[in-house]
Every structure is written in C-alpha cells, then in structure tokens.
Amino acid sequence: MIAWAMLEHLGYRGQVDRLKPSALDEVSIRRAFAAMTREVESGERDYAGYLEPLCRQYEDYHLGLNGTRAISLRLRTCPRRI
C-alpha cells in the first residue's frame, strides 16, 4: 500500500511490475525477475490489492468520526449533568 500511495502522490501513470523474490540471494532474485517478465498484468492485480486497504482506511476514518459519536449518544443511559 505504501508504494502505491507514493506512486499516486507523485502522479505516476506508467506500467508497474512487482518483484517477488523468495529470498535475497542472487539465484532467487534472478528467478523473480524472470517470473516478473512472464506476469504481464501483475501491477494491475497489485493495484486492486492496494484499493482494498485504502477503502478500509477511509471507512475506518468516517466511521470513527461519525459512528463513535452516534453510538455514544445512543447508548447513553442518563442525561448529561454539568
């Protein structure tokens, strides 16, 4: 999510591919680059995965602003005294 947020902030609209090495040794990194060239639309799938937590973040924010206040008012059992 962090990488996609940075790309959106910078206004990048080019192709994005994701490197998924299984380890950080040379052989694993070379295999990951070879697999990346075969996965044509990996960036689009990862973008869809980025949108899911982003939606949850927005929903948590709005629920936190509005829902908490509404719930606390609804669950209040006695009038507020000053």
PDB file of N, CA and C in Angstrom:
ATOM      1  N   MET A   1       0.824  -1.186   0.000  1.00  0.00           N
ATOM      2  CA  MET A   1       0.000   0.000   0.000  1.00  0.00           C
ATOM      3  C   MET A   1       0.867   1.248   0.000  1.00  0.00           C
ATOM      4  N   ILE A   2       1.983   1.198   0.686  1.00  0.00           N
ATOM      5  CA  ILE A   2       2.863   2.370   0.764  1.00  0.00           C
ATOM      6  C   ILE A   2       3.415   2.728  -0.612  1.00  0.00           C
ATOM      7  N   ALA A   3       3.857   1.729  -1.358  1.00  0.00           N
ATOM      8  CA  ALA A   3       4.426   2.000  -2.686  1.00  0.00           C
ATOM      9  C   ALA A   3       3.375   2.600  -3.621  1.00  0.00           C
ATOM     10  N   TRP A   4       2.153   2.055  -3.615  1.00  0.00           N
ATOM     11  CA  TRP A   4       1.102   2.592  -4.475  1.00  0.00           C
ATOM     12  C   TRP A   4       0.713   4.003  -4.045  1.00  0.00           C
ATOM     13  N   ALA A   5       0.688   4.273  -2.752  1.00  0.00           N
ATOM     14  CA  ALA A   5       0.366   5.620  -2.281  1.00  0.00           C
ATOM     15  C   ALA A   5       1.428   6.612  -2.763  1.00  0.00           C
ATOM     16  N   MET A   6       2.682   6.197  -2.742  1.00  0.00           N
ATOM     17  CA  MET A   6       3.753   7.078  -3.224  1.00  0.00           C
ATOM     18  C   MET A   6       3.618   7.323  -4.724  1.00  0.00           C
ATOM     19  N   LEU A   7       3.316   6.280  -5.483  1.00  0.00           N
ATOM     20  CA  LEU A   7       3.155   6.443  -6.929  1.00  0.00           C
ATOM     21  C   LEU A   7       1.986   7.369  -7.255  1.00  0.00           C
ATOM     22  N   GLU A   8       0.895   7.228  -6.535  1.00  0.00           N
ATOM     23  CA  GLU A   8      -0.248   8.111  -6.770  1.00  0.00           C
ATOM     24  C   GLU A   8       0.071   9.553  -6.375  1.00  0.00           C
ATOM     25  N   HIS A   9       0.771   9.724  -5.271  1.00  0.00           N
ATOM     26  CA  HIS A   9       1.141  11.074  -4.826  1.00  0.00           C
ATOM     27  C   HIS A   9       2.035  11.757  -5.864  1.00  0.00           C
ATOM     28  N   LEU A  10       2.921  10.988  -6.468  1.00  0.00           N
ATOM     29  CA  LEU A  10       3.829  11.538  -7.473  1.00  0.00           C
ATOM     30  C   LEU A  10       3.174  11.683  -8.844  1.00  0.00           C
ATOM     31  N   GLY A  11       1.973  11.117  -8.997  1.00  0.00           N
ATOM     32  CA  GLY A  11       1.268  11.228 -10.269  1.00  0.00           C
ATOM     33  C   GLY A  11       1.785  10.283 -11.340  1.00  0.00           C
ATOM     34  N   TYR A  12       2.452   9.205 -10.944  1.00  0.00           N
ATOM     35  CA  TYR A  12       2.988   8.245 -11.909  1.00  0.00           C
ATOM     36  C   TYR A  12       1.859   7.456 -12.544  1.00  0.00           C
ATOM     37  N   ARG A  13       1.869   7.355 -13.874  1.00  0.00           N
ATOM     38  CA  ARG A  13       0.814   6.645 -14.588  1.00  0.00           C
ATOM     39  C   ARG A  13       1.368   5.564 -15.512  1.00  0.00           C
ATOM     40  N   GLY A  14       2.626   5.223 -15.376  1.00  0.00           N
ATOM     41  CA  GLY A  14       3.236   4.211 -16.248  1.00  0.00           C
ATOM     42  C   GLY A  14       2.956   2.799 -15.772  1.00  0.00           C
ATOM     43  N   GLN A  15       3.577   1.840 -16.427  1.00  0.00           N
ATOM     44  CA  GLN A  15       3.405   0.432 -16.085  1.00  0.00           C
ATOM     45  C   GLN A  15       4.141   0.132 -14.782  1.00  0.00           C
ATOM     46  N   VAL A  16       3.537  -0.697 -13.963  1.00  0.00           N
ATOM     47  CA  VAL A  16       4.141  -1.100 -12.695  1.00  0.00           C
ATOM     48  C   VAL A  16       4.185  -2.617 -12.654  1.00  0.00           C
ATOM     49  N   ASP A  17       5.344  -3.151 -12.325  1.00  0.00           N
ATOM     50  CA  ASP A  17       5.507  -4.588 -12.142  1.00  0.00           C
ATOM     51  C   ASP A  17       6.004  -4.810 -10.715  1.00  0.00           C
ATOM     52  N   ARG A  18       5.704  -5.976 -10.207  1.00  0.00           N
ATOM     53  CA  ARG A  18       6.089  -6.280  -8.835  1.00  0.00           C
ATOM     54  C   ARG A  18       7.129  -7.394  -8.823  1.00  0.00           C
ATOM     55  N   LEU A  19       8.217  -7.153  -8.132  1.00  0.00           N
ATOM     56  CA  LEU A  19       9.266  -8.148  -7.979  1.00  0.00           C
ATOM     57  C   LEU A  19       8.986  -8.917  -6.695  1.00  0.00           C
ATOM     58  N   LYS A  20       8.849 -10.257  -6.815  1.00  0.00           N
ATOM     59  CA  LYS A  20       8.525 -11.080  -5.657  1.00  0.00           C
ATOM     60  C   LYS A  20       9.582 -12.156  -5.445  1.00  0.00           C
ATOM     61  N   PRO A  21      10.753 -11.784  -4.915  1.00  0.00           N
ATOM     62  CA  PRO A  21      11.783 -12.804  -4.688  1.00  0.00           C
ATOM     63  C   PRO A  21      11.433 -13.668  -3.477  1.00  0.00           C
ATOM     64  N   SER A  22      11.816 -14.940  -3.549  1.00  0.00           N
ATOM     65  CA  SER A  22      11.570 -15.836  -2.421  1.00  0.00           C
ATOM     66  C   SER A  22      12.667 -15.713  -1.374  1.00  0.00           C
ATOM     67  N   ALA A  23      13.820 -15.188  -1.775  1.00  0.00           N
ATOM     68  CA  ALA A  23      14.943 -14.955  -0.865  1.00  0.00           C
ATOM     69  C   ALA A  23      15.783 -13.826  -1.462  1.00  0.00           C
ATOM     70  N   LEU A  24      16.801 -13.407  -0.763  1.00  0.00           N
ATOM     71  CA  LEU A  24      17.601 -12.279  -1.241  1.00  0.00           C
ATOM     72  C   LEU A  24      18.954 -12.704  -1.799  1.00  0.00           C
ATOM     73  N   ASP A  25      19.083 -13.970  -2.190  1.00  0.00           N
ATOM     74  CA  ASP A  25      20.327 -14.404  -2.842  1.00  0.00           C
ATOM     75  C   ASP A  25      20.200 -14.161  -4.343  1.00  0.00           C
ATOM     76  N   GLU A  26      21.316 -14.230  -5.049  1.00  0.00           N
ATOM     77  CA  GLU A  26      21.347 -13.886  -6.474  1.00  0.00           C
ATOM     78  C   GLU A  26      20.432 -14.779  -7.314  1.00  0.00           C
ATOM     79  N   VAL A  27      20.441 -16.082  -7.056  1.00  0.00           N
ATOM     80  CA  VAL A  27      19.626 -17.012  -7.841  1.00  0.00           C
ATOM     81  C   VAL A  27      18.136 -16.697  -7.666  1.00  0.00           C
ATOM     82  N   SER A  28      17.692 -16.465  -6.440  1.00  0.00           N
ATOM     83  CA  SER A  28      16.278 -16.165  -6.189  1.00  0.00           C
ATOM     84  C   SER A  28      15.854 -14.852  -6.841  1.00  0.00           C
ATOM     85  N   ILE A  29      16.726 -13.871  -6.805  1.00  0.00           N
ATOM     86  CA  ILE A  29      16.407 -12.575  -7.421  1.00  0.00           C
ATOM     87  C   ILE A  29      16.320 -12.713  -8.938  1.00  0.00           C
ATOM     88  N   ARG A  30      17.226 -13.475  -9.529  1.00  0.00           N
ATOM     89  CA  ARG A  30      17.161 -13.702 -10.985  1.00  0.00           C
ATOM     90  C   ARG A  30      15.879 -14.442 -11.365  1.00  0.00           C
ATOM     91  N   ARG A  31      15.501 -15.434 -10.572  1.00  0.00           N
ATOM     92  CA  ARG A  31      14.250 -16.158 -10.831  1.00  0.00           C
ATOM     93  C   ARG A  31      13.041 -15.225 -10.713  1.00  0.00           C
ATOM     94  N   ALA A  32      13.070 -14.341  -9.733  1.00  0.00           N
ATOM     95  CA  ALA A  32      11.960 -13.402  -9.553  1.00  0.00           C
ATOM     96  C   ALA A  32      11.850 -12.455 -10.743  1.00  0.00           C
ATOM     97  N   PHE A  33      12.986 -11.973 -11.269  1.00  0.00           N
ATOM     98  CA  PHE A  33      12.947 -11.118 -12.454  1.00  0.00           C
ATOM     99  C   PHE A  33      12.419 -11.877 -13.661  1.00  0.00           C
ATOM    100  N   ALA A  34      12.804 -13.149 -13.801  1.00  0.00           N
ATOM    101  CA  ALA A  34      12.312 -13.957 -14.924  1.00  0.00           C
ATOM    102  C   ALA A  34      10.801 -14.166 -14.798  1.00  0.00           C
ATOM    103  N   ALA A  35      10.326 -14.424 -13.597  1.00  0.00           N
ATOM    104  CA  ALA A  35       8.887 -14.616 -13.390  1.00  0.00           C
ATOM    105  C   ALA A  35       8.124 -13.316 -13.612  1.00  0.00           C
ATOM    106  N   MET A  36       8.732 -12.200 -13.268  1.00  0.00           N
ATOM    107  CA  MET A  36       8.072 -10.909 -13.428  1.00  0.00           C
ATOM    108  C   MET A  36       7.823 -10.601 -14.900  1.00  0.00           C
ATOM    109  N   THR A  37       8.730 -10.982 -15.769  1.00  0.00           N
ATOM    110  CA  THR A  37       8.538 -10.701 -17.189  1.00  0.00           C
ATOM    111  C   THR A  37       7.400 -11.531 -17.762  1.00  0.00           C
ATOM    112  N   ARG A  38       7.109 -12.689 -17.151  1.00  0.00           N
ATOM    113  CA  ARG A  38       6.010 -13.528 -17.633  1.00  0.00           C
ATOM    114  C   ARG A  38       4.656 -13.063 -17.105  1.00  0.00           C
ATOM    115  N   GLU A  39       4.631 -12.361 -15.974  1.00  0.00           N
ATOM    116  CA  GLU A  39       3.380 -11.877 -15.384  1.00  0.00           C
ATOM    117  C   GLU A  39       3.093 -10.481 -15.923  1.00  0.00           C
ATOM    118  N   VAL A  40       2.349 -10.425 -16.995  1.00  0.00           N
ATOM    119  CA  VAL A  40       2.133  -9.161 -17.704  1.00  0.00           C
ATOM    120  C   VAL A  40       1.325  -8.170 -16.874  1.00  0.00           C
ATOM    121  N   GLU A  41       0.271  -8.613 -16.208  1.00  0.00           N
ATOM    122  CA  GLU A  41      -0.624  -7.692 -15.509  1.00  0.00           C
ATOM    123  C   GLU A  41      -0.490  -7.758 -13.990  1.00  0.00           C
ATOM    124  N   SER A  42       0.703  -8.059 -13.504  1.00  0.00           N
ATOM    125  CA  SER A  42       0.865  -8.164 -12.047  1.00  0.00           C
ATOM    126  C   SER A  42       0.649  -6.815 -11.363  1.00  0.00           C
ATOM    127  N   GLY A  43       1.016  -5.733 -12.023  1.00  0.00           N
ATOM    128  CA  GLY A  43       0.823  -4.412 -11.439  1.00  0.00           C
ATOM    129  C   GLY A  43      -0.639  -4.069 -11.237  1.00  0.00           C
ATOM    130  N   GLU A  44      -1.480  -4.428 -12.198  1.00  0.00           N
ATOM    131  CA  GLU A  44      -2.911  -4.149 -12.076  1.00  0.00           C
ATOM    132  C   GLU A  44      -3.535  -4.965 -10.954  1.00  0.00           C
ATOM    133  N   ARG A  45      -3.113  -6.207 -10.801  1.00  0.00           N
ATOM    134  CA  ARG A  45      -3.627  -7.031  -9.697  1.00  0.00           C
ATOM    135  C   ARG A  45      -3.181  -6.452  -8.353  1.00  0.00           C
ATOM    136  N   ASP A  46      -1.942  -5.990  -8.291  1.00  0.00           N
ATOM    137  CA  ASP A  46      -1.459  -5.390  -7.050  1.00  0.00           C
ATOM    138  C   ASP A  46      -2.174  -4.084  -6.748  1.00  0.00           C
ATOM    139  N   TYR A  47      -2.545  -3.337  -7.783  1.00  0.00           N
ATOM    140  CA  TYR A  47      -3.284  -2.093  -7.571  1.00  0.00           C
ATOM    141  C   TYR A  47      -4.657  -2.382  -6.965  1.00  0.00           C
ATOM    142  N   ALA A  48      -5.290  -3.447  -7.438  1.00  0.00           N
ATOM    143  CA  ALA A  48      -6.580  -3.843  -6.858  1.00  0.00           C
ATOM    144  C   ALA A  48      -6.395  -4.214  -5.394  1.00  0.00           C
ATOM    145  N   GLY A  49      -5.288  -4.868  -5.083  1.00  0.00           N
ATOM    146  CA  GLY A  49      -4.975  -5.187  -3.693  1.00  0.00           C
ATOM    147  C   GLY A  49      -4.683  -3.948  -2.865  1.00  0.00           C
ATOM    148  N   TYR A  50      -4.211  -2.880  -3.497  1.00  0.00           N
ATOM    149  CA  TYR A  50      -3.970  -1.610  -2.814  1.00  0.00           C
ATOM    150  C   TYR A  50      -5.284  -0.903  -2.491  1.00  0.00           C
ATOM    151  N   LEU A  51      -6.258  -1.016  -3.383  1.00  0.00           N
ATOM    152  CA  LEU A  51      -7.531  -0.325  -3.173  1.00  0.00           C
ATOM    153  C   LEU A  51      -8.305  -0.877  -1.976  1.00  0.00           C
ATOM    154  N   GLU A  52      -8.163  -2.164  -1.706  1.00  0.00           N
ATOM    155  CA  GLU A  52      -8.891  -2.773  -0.591  1.00  0.00           C
ATOM    156  C   GLU A  52      -8.519  -2.147   0.761  1.00  0.00           C
ATOM    157  N   PRO A  53      -7.235  -2.092   1.145  1.00  0.00           N
ATOM    158  CA  PRO A  53      -6.933  -1.446   2.431  1.00  0.00           C
ATOM    159  C   PRO A  53      -7.208   0.054   2.420  1.00  0.00           C
ATOM    160  N   LEU A  54      -7.110   0.674   1.239  1.00  0.00           N
ATOM    161  CA  LEU A  54      -7.410   2.097   1.154  1.00  0.00           C
ATOM    162  C   LEU A  54      -8.883   2.351   1.476  1.00  0.00           C
ATOM    163  N   CYS A  55      -9.763   1.506   0.945  1.00  0.00           N
ATOM    164  CA  CYS A  55     -11.196   1.628   1.254  1.00  0.00           C
ATOM    165  C   CYS A  55     -11.449   1.396   2.741  1.00  0.00           C
ATOM    166  N   ARG A  56     -10.765   0.404   3.318  1.00  0.00           N
ATOM    167  CA  ARG A  56     -10.927   0.157   4.757  1.00  0.00           C
ATOM    168  C   ARG A  56     -10.445   1.356   5.570  1.00  0.00           C
ATOM    169  N   GLN A  57      -9.361   1.977   5.123  1.00  0.00           N
ATOM    170  CA  GLN A  57      -8.835   3.149   5.824  1.00  0.00           C
ATOM    171  C   GLN A  57      -9.851   4.286   5.815  1.00  0.00           C
ATOM    172  N   TYR A  58     -10.428   4.568   4.658  1.00  0.00           N
ATOM    173  CA  TYR A  58     -11.434   5.626   4.564  1.00  0.00           C
ATOM    174  C   TYR A  58     -12.658   5.302   5.417  1.00  0.00           C
ATOM    175  N   GLU A  59     -13.096   4.052   5.351  1.00  0.00           N
ATOM    176  CA  GLU A  59     -14.272   3.645   6.121  1.00  0.00           C
ATOM    177  C   GLU A  59     -14.006   3.756   7.625  1.00  0.00           C
ATOM    178  N   ASP A  60     -12.836   3.327   8.065  1.00  0.00           N
ATOM    179  CA  ASP A  60     -12.484   3.456   9.480  1.00  0.00           C
ATOM    180  C   ASP A  60     -12.474   4.919   9.913  1.00  0.00           C
ATOM    181  N   TYR A  61     -11.965   5.784   9.053  1.00  0.00           N
ATOM    182  CA  TYR A  61     -11.905   7.203   9.370  1.00  0.00           C
ATOM    183  C   TYR A  61     -13.315   7.781   9.516  1.00  0.00           C
ATOM    184  N   HIS A  62     -14.174   7.504   8.538  1.00  0.00           N
ATOM    185  CA  HIS A  62     -15.526   8.061   8.591  1.00  0.00           C
ATOM    186  C   HIS A  62     -16.369   7.444   9.691  1.00  0.00           C
ATOM    187  N   LEU A  63     -16.229   6.152   9.897  1.00  0.00           N
ATOM    188  CA  LEU A  63     -16.956   5.515  10.989  1.00  0.00           C
ATOM    189  C   LEU A  63     -16.463   6.066  12.327  1.00  0.00           C
ATOM    190  N   GLY A  64     -15.167   6.268  12.431  1.00  0.00           N
ATOM    191  CA  GLY A  64     -14.606   6.814  13.662  1.00  0.00           C
ATOM    192  C   GLY A  64     -15.127   8.217  13.947  1.00  0.00           C
ATOM    193  N   LEU A  65     -15.279   9.023  12.911  1.00  0.00           N
ATOM    194  CA  LEU A  65     -15.775  10.386  13.112  1.00  0.00           C
ATOM    195  C   LEU A  65     -17.250  10.418  13.476  1.00  0.00           C
ATOM    196  N   ASN A  66     -18.036   9.702  12.706  1.00  0.00           N
ATOM    197  CA  ASN A  66     -19.480   9.782  12.852  1.00  0.00           C
ATOM    198  C   ASN A  66     -20.057   8.685  13.730  1.00  0.00           C
ATOM    199  N   GLY A  67     -19.581   7.475  13.536  1.00  0.00           N
ATOM    200  CA  GLY A  67     -20.152   6.331  14.237  1.00  0.00           C
ATOM    201  C   GLY A  67     -19.919   6.359  15.729  1.00  0.00           C
ATOM    202  N   THR A  68     -18.726   6.736  16.143  1.00  0.00           N
ATOM    203  CA  THR A  68     -18.423   6.753  17.570  1.00  0.00           C
ATOM    204  C   THR A  68     -19.317   7.729  18.313  1.00  0.00           C
ATOM    205  N   ARG A  69     -19.504   8.898  17.754  1.00  0.00           N
ATOM    206  CA  ARG A  69     -20.363   9.902  18.385  1.00  0.00           C
ATOM    207  C   ARG A  69     -21.810   9.426  18.419  1.00  0.00           C
ATOM    208  N   ALA A  70     -22.297   8.876  17.313  1.00  0.00           N
ATOM    209  CA  ALA A  70     -23.681   8.411  17.258  1.00  0.00           C
ATOM    210  C   ALA A  70     -23.920   7.268  18.235  1.00  0.00           C
ATOM    211  N   ILE A  71     -22.994   6.352  18.301  1.00  0.00           N
ATOM    212  CA  ILE A  71     -23.147   5.214  19.212  1.00  0.00           C
ATOM    213  C   ILE A  71     -23.110   5.674  20.658  1.00  0.00           C
ATOM    214  N   SER A  72     -22.198   6.571  20.975  1.00  0.00           N
ATOM    215  CA  SER A  72     -22.112   7.032  22.368  1.00  0.00           C
ATOM    216  C   SER A  72     -23.378   7.788  22.774  1.00  0.00           C
ATOM    217  N   LEU A  73     -23.966   8.563  21.867  1.00  0.00           N
ATOM    218  CA  LEU A  73     -25.211   9.250  22.184  1.00  0.00           C
ATOM    219  C   LEU A  73     -26.362   8.253  22.342  1.00  0.00           C
ATOM    220  N   ARG A  74     -26.385   7.248  21.499  1.00  0.00           N
ATOM    221  CA  ARG A  74     -27.463   6.266  21.545  1.00  0.00           C
ATOM    222  C   ARG A  74     -27.395   5.401  22.803  1.00  0.00           C
ATOM    223  N   LEU A  75     -26.195   5.082  23.243  1.00  0.00           N
ATOM    224  CA  LEU A  75     -26.030   4.195  24.389  1.00  0.00           C
ATOM    225  C   LEU A  75     -26.041   4.926  25.734  1.00  0.00           C
ATOM    226  N   ARG A  76     -26.077   6.224  25.694  1.00  0.00           N
ATOM    227  CA  ARG A  76     -26.095   6.975  26.948  1.00  0.00           C
ATOM    228  C   ARG A  76     -27.398   6.668  27.694  1.00  0.00           C
ATOM    229  N   THR A  77     -27.291   6.305  28.950  1.00  0.00           N
ATOM    230  CA  THR A  77     -28.484   5.875  29.706  1.00  0.00           C
ATOM    231  C   THR A  77     -29.134   6.998  30.487  1.00  0.00           C
ATOM    232  N   CYS A  78     -28.359   7.956  30.884  1.00  0.00           N
ATOM    233  CA  CYS A  78     -28.964   9.050  31.651  1.00  0.00           C
ATOM    234  C   CYS A  78     -28.558  10.382  31.055  1.00  0.00           C
ATOM    235  N   PRO A  79     -29.336  11.425  31.315  1.00  0.00           N
ATOM    236  CA  PRO A  79     -28.993  12.744  30.767  1.00  0.00           C
ATOM    237  C   PRO A  79     -27.659  13.216  31.338  1.00  0.00           C
ATOM    238  N   ARG A  80     -26.992  13.984  30.557  1.00  0.00           N
ATOM    239  CA  ARG A  80     -25.693  14.508  30.963  1.00  0.00           C
ATOM    240  C   ARG A  80     -25.872  15.634  31.979  1.00  0.00           C
ATOM    241  N   ARG A  81     -25.104  15.561  33.055  1.00  0.00           N
ATOM    242  CA  ARG A  81     -25.167  16.610  34.077  1.00  0.00           C
ATOM    243  C   ARG A  81     -23.843  17.365  34.100  1.00  0.00           C
ATOM    244  N   ILE A  82     -23.967  18.664  34.254  1.00  0.00           N
ATOM    245  CA  ILE A  82     -22.766  19.501  34.284  1.00  0.00           C
ATOM    246  C   ILE A  82     -22.394  19.831  35.706  1.00  0.00           C
TER     247      ILE A  82
END
